Amino acid sequence: MMRYSRANRSKRCAMSRRLLSIAALLAGNAIGLLLAALLLDGFSIAPLSLIVVVIVFSLIQALAEPLIRRLSQRNLPALQGGIALVVIFVGLLVTELVTSGLVVGGISNLLAATLLVWLGALAAGILLPRYVFKSLRAPKA
Protein backbone atom coordinates (compact mmCIF):
# COMPACT_ATOMS: atom_id res chain seq x y z
CA MET A 1 0.00 0.00 0.00
CA MET A 2 1.45 3.33 -1.10
CA ARG A 3 1.31 6.30 1.16
CA TYR A 4 1.37 9.81 -0.14
CA SER A 5 2.81 12.66 1.85
CA ARG A 6 0.83 15.85 2.30
CA ALA A 7 3.21 17.66 -0.04
CA ASN A 8 2.61 15.12 -2.82
CA ARG A 9 -1.13 15.25 -2.26
CA SER A 10 -1.04 19.04 -2.36
CA LYS A 11 0.98 19.01 -5.61
CA ARG A 12 -1.46 16.55 -7.20
CA CYS A 13 -4.41 18.69 -6.13
CA ALA A 14 -2.79 21.85 -7.53
CA MET A 15 -1.97 20.06 -10.79
CA SER A 16 -5.50 18.71 -11.23
CA ARG A 17 -6.93 22.16 -10.43
CA ARG A 18 -4.61 23.71 -13.04
CA LEU A 19 -5.69 21.13 -15.65
CA LEU A 20 -9.35 21.80 -14.86
CA SER A 21 -8.73 25.53 -15.22
CA ILE A 22 -7.17 24.96 -18.65
CA ALA A 23 -10.10 22.74 -19.66
CA ALA A 24 -12.57 25.42 -18.50
CA LEU A 25 -10.68 28.11 -20.45
CA LEU A 26 -10.68 25.98 -23.62
CA ALA A 27 -14.38 25.17 -23.19
CA GLY A 28 -15.24 28.85 -22.61
CA ASN A 29 -13.31 29.93 -25.70
CA ALA A 30 -14.93 27.16 -27.76
CA ILE A 31 -18.39 28.29 -26.63
CA GLY A 32 -17.61 31.91 -27.44
CA LEU A 33 -16.21 31.07 -30.89
CA LEU A 34 -19.17 28.83 -31.70
CA LEU A 35 -21.56 31.57 -30.59
CA ALA A 36 -19.90 34.00 -33.00
CA ALA A 37 -19.98 31.39 -35.79
CA LEU A 38 -23.70 30.81 -35.24
CA LEU A 39 -24.72 34.46 -35.08
CA LEU A 40 -22.48 36.21 -37.61
CA ASP A 41 -22.74 35.81 -41.37
CA GLY A 42 -19.26 35.41 -42.82
CA PHE A 43 -17.68 34.26 -39.54
CA SER A 44 -16.95 30.57 -39.86
CA ILE A 45 -14.91 27.81 -38.31
CA ALA A 46 -14.20 24.72 -40.35
CA PRO A 47 -15.67 21.76 -38.41
CA LEU A 48 -12.48 19.71 -38.56
CA SER A 49 -10.42 22.73 -37.49
CA LEU A 50 -12.46 23.65 -34.40
CA ILE A 51 -10.07 22.07 -31.89
CA VAL A 52 -7.00 23.58 -33.55
CA VAL A 53 -8.65 27.01 -33.77
CA VAL A 54 -9.65 26.91 -30.08
CA ILE A 55 -6.17 25.83 -28.96
CA VAL A 56 -4.37 28.42 -31.14
CA PHE A 57 -6.81 31.16 -30.06
CA SER A 58 -6.32 30.25 -26.37
CA LEU A 59 -2.52 30.16 -26.71
CA ILE A 60 -2.48 33.55 -28.42
CA GLN A 61 -4.66 34.95 -25.64
CA ALA A 62 -2.36 33.51 -22.98
CA LEU A 63 0.69 35.04 -24.66
CA ALA A 64 -0.86 38.39 -25.61
CA GLU A 65 -2.63 39.17 -22.34
CA PRO A 66 0.45 39.91 -20.18
CA LEU A 67 2.04 41.94 -22.98
CA ILE A 68 -1.10 44.01 -23.62
CA ARG A 69 -1.63 44.48 -19.88
CA ARG A 70 1.95 45.75 -19.42
CA LEU A 71 1.72 48.09 -22.43
CA SER A 72 -1.59 49.54 -21.27
CA GLN A 73 -0.35 50.11 -17.71
CA ARG A 74 2.50 52.23 -19.05
CA ASN A 75 0.82 54.02 -21.95
CA LEU A 76 -2.98 53.73 -21.68
CA PRO A 77 -4.13 53.21 -18.08
CA ALA A 78 -7.75 53.81 -19.12
CA LEU A 79 -7.58 50.60 -21.17
CA GLN A 80 -7.24 48.42 -18.07
CA GLY A 81 -10.98 47.73 -17.88
CA GLY A 82 -11.11 46.54 -21.48
CA ILE A 83 -8.05 44.29 -21.49
CA ALA A 84 -10.13 41.14 -22.08
CA LEU A 85 -11.80 42.68 -25.14
CA VAL A 86 -8.48 43.83 -26.60
CA VAL A 87 -6.93 40.41 -25.99
CA ILE A 88 -9.87 38.67 -27.69
CA PHE A 89 -9.67 41.10 -30.62
CA VAL A 90 -5.94 40.41 -31.06
CA GLY A 91 -6.52 36.67 -30.55
CA LEU A 92 -9.16 36.54 -33.29
CA LEU A 93 -7.04 38.59 -35.68
CA VAL A 94 -3.88 36.51 -35.20
CA THR A 95 -5.76 33.19 -35.18
CA GLU A 96 -7.33 34.05 -38.52
CA LEU A 97 -3.88 34.86 -39.90
CA VAL A 98 -2.12 31.70 -38.70
CA THR A 99 -4.84 29.06 -39.19
CA SER A 100 -6.86 28.14 -42.22
CA GLY A 101 -9.85 27.00 -40.16
CA LEU A 102 -11.11 30.42 -39.03
CA VAL A 103 -12.62 33.06 -41.31
CA VAL A 104 -13.69 36.25 -39.55
CA GLY A 105 -15.20 37.97 -42.59
CA GLY A 106 -14.29 41.63 -42.25
CA ILE A 107 -13.77 44.32 -39.64
CA SER A 108 -17.44 44.56 -38.60
CA ASN A 109 -17.48 40.81 -37.95
CA LEU A 110 -14.18 41.10 -36.08
CA LEU A 111 -15.65 43.74 -33.77
CA ALA A 112 -18.95 41.88 -33.28
CA ALA A 113 -17.13 38.55 -32.80
CA THR A 114 -14.89 40.15 -30.16
CA LEU A 115 -17.97 41.04 -28.13
CA LEU A 116 -19.71 37.68 -28.74
CA VAL A 117 -16.62 35.61 -27.87
CA TRP A 118 -16.15 37.72 -24.73
CA LEU A 119 -19.80 37.25 -23.71
CA GLY A 120 -19.72 33.50 -24.44
CA ALA A 121 -16.46 33.01 -22.57
CA LEU A 122 -17.73 35.15 -19.68
CA ALA A 123 -20.94 33.12 -19.38
CA ALA A 124 -18.97 29.87 -19.60
CA GLY A 125 -16.52 31.18 -16.99
CA ILE A 126 -19.40 31.75 -14.61
CA LEU A 127 -21.48 28.64 -15.39
CA LEU A 128 -18.82 25.96 -15.95
CA PRO A 129 -17.26 26.19 -12.46
CA ARG A 130 -20.73 26.19 -10.94
CA TYR A 131 -22.14 23.17 -12.78
CA VAL A 132 -19.35 21.23 -14.51
CA PHE A 133 -16.00 21.94 -12.83
CA LYS A 134 -17.25 22.24 -9.27
CA SER A 135 -13.76 21.99 -7.76
CA LEU A 136 -12.89 25.33 -9.42
CA ARG A 137 -15.45 27.23 -7.40
CA ALA A 138 -14.02 29.88 -5.12
CA PRO A 139 -14.25 28.83 -1.48
CA LYS A 140 -16.92 30.68 0.48
CA ALA A 141 -15.58 33.12 3.03
C-alpha atoms as a PDB file:
ATOM      1  CA  MET A   1       0.000   0.000   0.000  1.00  0.00           C
ATOM      2  CA  MET A   2       1.450   3.327  -1.103  1.00  0.00           C
ATOM      3  CA  ARG A   3       1.312   6.305   1.164  1.00  0.00           C
ATOM      4  CA  TYR A   4       1.365   9.806  -0.137  1.00  0.00           C
ATOM      5  CA  SER A   5       2.810  12.662   1.851  1.00  0.00           C
ATOM      6  CA  ARG A   6       0.833  15.854   2.300  1.00  0.00           C
ATOM      7  CA  ALA A   7       3.209  17.664  -0.042  1.00  0.00           C
ATOM      8  CA  ASN A   8       2.614  15.121  -2.819  1.00  0.00           C
ATOM      9  CA  ARG A   9      -1.132  15.247  -2.260  1.00  0.00           C
ATOM     10  CA  SER A  10      -1.045  19.037  -2.363  1.00  0.00           C
ATOM     11  CA  LYS A  11       0.978  19.010  -5.606  1.00  0.00           C
ATOM     12  CA  ARG A  12      -1.458  16.555  -7.202  1.00  0.00           C
ATOM     13  CA  CYS A  13      -4.411  18.686  -6.132  1.00  0.00           C
ATOM     14  CA  ALA A  14      -2.791  21.849  -7.531  1.00  0.00           C
ATOM     15  CA  MET A  15      -1.973  20.063 -10.793  1.00  0.00           C
ATOM     16  CA  SER A  16      -5.504  18.712 -11.228  1.00  0.00           C
ATOM     17  CA  ARG A  17      -6.927  22.163 -10.428  1.00  0.00           C
ATOM     18  CA  ARG A  18      -4.613  23.712 -13.042  1.00  0.00           C
ATOM     19  CA  LEU A  19      -5.691  21.126 -15.646  1.00  0.00           C
ATOM     20  CA  LEU A  20      -9.351  21.796 -14.861  1.00  0.00           C
ATOM     21  CA  SER A  21      -8.726  25.533 -15.223  1.00  0.00           C
ATOM     22  CA  ILE A  22      -7.169  24.958 -18.652  1.00  0.00           C
ATOM     23  CA  ALA A  23     -10.104  22.743 -19.665  1.00  0.00           C
ATOM     24  CA  ALA A  24     -12.567  25.416 -18.498  1.00  0.00           C
ATOM     25  CA  LEU A  25     -10.682  28.107 -20.445  1.00  0.00           C
ATOM     26  CA  LEU A  26     -10.679  25.984 -23.622  1.00  0.00           C
ATOM     27  CA  ALA A  27     -14.383  25.175 -23.193  1.00  0.00           C
ATOM     28  CA  GLY A  28     -15.239  28.845 -22.607  1.00  0.00           C
ATOM     29  CA  ASN A  29     -13.312  29.925 -25.700  1.00  0.00           C
ATOM     30  CA  ALA A  30     -14.930  27.161 -27.761  1.00  0.00           C
ATOM     31  CA  ILE A  31     -18.391  28.291 -26.629  1.00  0.00           C
ATOM     32  CA  GLY A  32     -17.607  31.909 -27.442  1.00  0.00           C
ATOM     33  CA  LEU A  33     -16.210  31.073 -30.889  1.00  0.00           C
ATOM     34  CA  LEU A  34     -19.170  28.826 -31.698  1.00  0.00           C
ATOM     35  CA  LEU A  35     -21.564  31.566 -30.593  1.00  0.00           C
ATOM     36  CA  ALA A  36     -19.900  33.997 -33.000  1.00  0.00           C
ATOM     37  CA  ALA A  37     -19.979  31.388 -35.788  1.00  0.00           C
ATOM     38  CA  LEU A  38     -23.701  30.808 -35.242  1.00  0.00           C
ATOM     39  CA  LEU A  39     -24.723  34.459 -35.078  1.00  0.00           C
ATOM     40  CA  LEU A  40     -22.475  36.214 -37.612  1.00  0.00           C
ATOM     41  CA  ASP A  41     -22.738  35.812 -41.371  1.00  0.00           C
ATOM     42  CA  GLY A  42     -19.262  35.412 -42.818  1.00  0.00           C
ATOM     43  CA  PHE A  43     -17.679  34.258 -39.538  1.00  0.00           C
ATOM     44  CA  SER A  44     -16.953  30.567 -39.863  1.00  0.00           C
ATOM     45  CA  ILE A  45     -14.913  27.807 -38.314  1.00  0.00           C
ATOM     46  CA  ALA A  46     -14.200  24.718 -40.348  1.00  0.00           C
ATOM     47  CA  PRO A  47     -15.668  21.763 -38.407  1.00  0.00           C
ATOM     48  CA  LEU A  48     -12.478  19.711 -38.564  1.00  0.00           C
ATOM     49  CA  SER A  49     -10.417  22.732 -37.489  1.00  0.00           C
ATOM     50  CA  LEU A  50     -12.459  23.652 -34.400  1.00  0.00           C
ATOM     51  CA  ILE A  51     -10.073  22.075 -31.887  1.00  0.00           C
ATOM     52  CA  VAL A  52      -6.996  23.585 -33.552  1.00  0.00           C
ATOM     53  CA  VAL A  53      -8.647  27.012 -33.768  1.00  0.00           C
ATOM     54  CA  VAL A  54      -9.652  26.911 -30.078  1.00  0.00           C
ATOM     55  CA  ILE A  55      -6.168  25.830 -28.960  1.00  0.00           C
ATOM     56  CA  VAL A  56      -4.372  28.416 -31.140  1.00  0.00           C
ATOM     57  CA  PHE A  57      -6.808  31.155 -30.059  1.00  0.00           C
ATOM     58  CA  SER A  58      -6.320  30.250 -26.373  1.00  0.00           C
ATOM     59  CA  LEU A  59      -2.516  30.163 -26.706  1.00  0.00           C
ATOM     60  CA  ILE A  60      -2.485  33.553 -28.423  1.00  0.00           C
ATOM     61  CA  GLN A  61      -4.662  34.951 -25.639  1.00  0.00           C
ATOM     62  CA  ALA A  62      -2.356  33.511 -22.978  1.00  0.00           C
ATOM     63  CA  LEU A  63       0.693  35.039 -24.664  1.00  0.00           C
ATOM     64  CA  ALA A  64      -0.858  38.392 -25.611  1.00  0.00           C
ATOM     65  CA  GLU A  65      -2.633  39.167 -22.338  1.00  0.00           C
ATOM     66  CA  PRO A  66       0.453  39.913 -20.175  1.00  0.00           C
ATOM     67  CA  LEU A  67       2.037  41.942 -22.980  1.00  0.00           C
ATOM     68  CA  ILE A  68      -1.101  44.013 -23.621  1.00  0.00           C
ATOM     69  CA  ARG A  69      -1.633  44.483 -19.883  1.00  0.00           C
ATOM     70  CA  ARG A  70       1.950  45.753 -19.424  1.00  0.00           C
ATOM     71  CA  LEU A  71       1.725  48.088 -22.433  1.00  0.00           C
ATOM     72  CA  SER A  72      -1.586  49.536 -21.272  1.00  0.00           C
ATOM     73  CA  GLN A  73      -0.348  50.108 -17.713  1.00  0.00           C
ATOM     74  CA  ARG A  74       2.495  52.234 -19.051  1.00  0.00           C
ATOM     75  CA  ASN A  75       0.822  54.018 -21.949  1.00  0.00           C
ATOM     76  CA  LEU A  76      -2.977  53.727 -21.678  1.00  0.00           C
ATOM     77  CA  PRO A  77      -4.134  53.212 -18.081  1.00  0.00           C
ATOM     78  CA  ALA A  78      -7.749  53.815 -19.121  1.00  0.00           C
ATOM     79  CA  LEU A  79      -7.577  50.605 -21.175  1.00  0.00           C
ATOM     80  CA  GLN A  80      -7.239  48.418 -18.067  1.00  0.00           C
ATOM     81  CA  GLY A  81     -10.979  47.729 -17.881  1.00  0.00           C
ATOM     82  CA  GLY A  82     -11.111  46.543 -21.483  1.00  0.00           C
ATOM     83  CA  ILE A  83      -8.047  44.289 -21.490  1.00  0.00           C
ATOM     84  CA  ALA A  84     -10.129  41.144 -22.075  1.00  0.00           C
ATOM     85  CA  LEU A  85     -11.801  42.677 -25.137  1.00  0.00           C
ATOM     86  CA  VAL A  86      -8.477  43.831 -26.596  1.00  0.00           C
ATOM     87  CA  VAL A  87      -6.929  40.415 -25.991  1.00  0.00           C
ATOM     88  CA  ILE A  88      -9.870  38.666 -27.690  1.00  0.00           C
ATOM     89  CA  PHE A  89      -9.673  41.104 -30.623  1.00  0.00           C
ATOM     90  CA  VAL A  90      -5.941  40.406 -31.058  1.00  0.00           C
ATOM     91  CA  GLY A  91      -6.520  36.672 -30.554  1.00  0.00           C
ATOM     92  CA  LEU A  92      -9.158  36.542 -33.294  1.00  0.00           C
ATOM     93  CA  LEU A  93      -7.040  38.588 -35.678  1.00  0.00           C
ATOM     94  CA  VAL A  94      -3.885  36.510 -35.197  1.00  0.00           C
ATOM     95  CA  THR A  95      -5.760  33.186 -35.176  1.00  0.00           C
ATOM     96  CA  GLU A  96      -7.333  34.052 -38.523  1.00  0.00           C
ATOM     97  CA  LEU A  97      -3.880  34.864 -39.902  1.00  0.00           C
ATOM     98  CA  VAL A  98      -2.120  31.700 -38.695  1.00  0.00           C
ATOM     99  CA  THR A  99      -4.843  29.065 -39.190  1.00  0.00           C
ATOM    100  CA  SER A 100      -6.859  28.143 -42.222  1.00  0.00           C
ATOM    101  CA  GLY A 101      -9.855  26.996 -40.164  1.00  0.00           C
ATOM    102  CA  LEU A 102     -11.107  30.417 -39.030  1.00  0.00           C
ATOM    103  CA  VAL A 103     -12.620  33.059 -41.314  1.00  0.00           C
ATOM    104  CA  VAL A 104     -13.694  36.249 -39.546  1.00  0.00           C
ATOM    105  CA  GLY A 105     -15.198  37.966 -42.589  1.00  0.00           C
ATOM    106  CA  GLY A 106     -14.286  41.626 -42.249  1.00  0.00           C
ATOM    107  CA  ILE A 107     -13.774  44.315 -39.640  1.00  0.00           C
ATOM    108  CA  SER A 108     -17.435  44.556 -38.600  1.00  0.00           C
ATOM    109  CA  ASN A 109     -17.480  40.807 -37.948  1.00  0.00           C
ATOM    110  CA  LEU A 110     -14.178  41.096 -36.082  1.00  0.00           C
ATOM    111  CA  LEU A 111     -15.654  43.740 -33.775  1.00  0.00           C
ATOM    112  CA  ALA A 112     -18.949  41.880 -33.279  1.00  0.00           C
ATOM    113  CA  ALA A 113     -17.134  38.552 -32.797  1.00  0.00           C
ATOM    114  CA  THR A 114     -14.892  40.147 -30.157  1.00  0.00           C
ATOM    115  CA  LEU A 115     -17.970  41.037 -28.131  1.00  0.00           C
ATOM    116  CA  LEU A 116     -19.706  37.680 -28.740  1.00  0.00           C
ATOM    117  CA  VAL A 117     -16.624  35.612 -27.865  1.00  0.00           C
ATOM    118  CA  TRP A 118     -16.148  37.715 -24.733  1.00  0.00           C
ATOM    119  CA  LEU A 119     -19.797  37.245 -23.707  1.00  0.00           C
ATOM    120  CA  GLY A 120     -19.715  33.501 -24.439  1.00  0.00           C
ATOM    121  CA  ALA A 121     -16.457  33.012 -22.565  1.00  0.00           C
ATOM    122  CA  LEU A 122     -17.730  35.154 -19.675  1.00  0.00           C
ATOM    123  CA  ALA A 123     -20.939  33.118 -19.380  1.00  0.00           C
ATOM    124  CA  ALA A 124     -18.969  29.874 -19.598  1.00  0.00           C
ATOM    125  CA  GLY A 125     -16.516  31.184 -16.989  1.00  0.00           C
ATOM    126  CA  ILE A 126     -19.403  31.747 -14.612  1.00  0.00           C
ATOM    127  CA  LEU A 127     -21.483  28.645 -15.389  1.00  0.00           C
ATOM    128  CA  LEU A 128     -18.817  25.958 -15.955  1.00  0.00           C
ATOM    129  CA  PRO A 129     -17.261  26.186 -12.462  1.00  0.00           C
ATOM    130  CA  ARG A 130     -20.733  26.186 -10.942  1.00  0.00           C
ATOM    131  CA  TYR A 131     -22.138  23.168 -12.778  1.00  0.00           C
ATOM    132  CA  VAL A 132     -19.346  21.229 -14.512  1.00  0.00           C
ATOM    133  CA  PHE A 133     -16.001  21.939 -12.830  1.00  0.00           C
ATOM    134  CA  LYS A 134     -17.254  22.240  -9.265  1.00  0.00           C
ATOM    135  CA  SER A 135     -13.757  21.987  -7.760  1.00  0.00           C
ATOM    136  CA  LEU A 136     -12.886  25.332  -9.421  1.00  0.00           C
ATOM    137  CA  ARG A 137     -15.452  27.233  -7.397  1.00  0.00           C
ATOM    138  CA  ALA A 138     -14.017  29.876  -5.120  1.00  0.00           C
ATOM    139  CA  PRO A 139     -14.254  28.834  -1.476  1.00  0.00           C
ATOM    140  CA  LYS A 140     -16.924  30.683   0.481  1.00  0.00           C
ATOM    141  CA  ALA A 141     -15.582  33.115   3.030  1.00  0.00           C
END
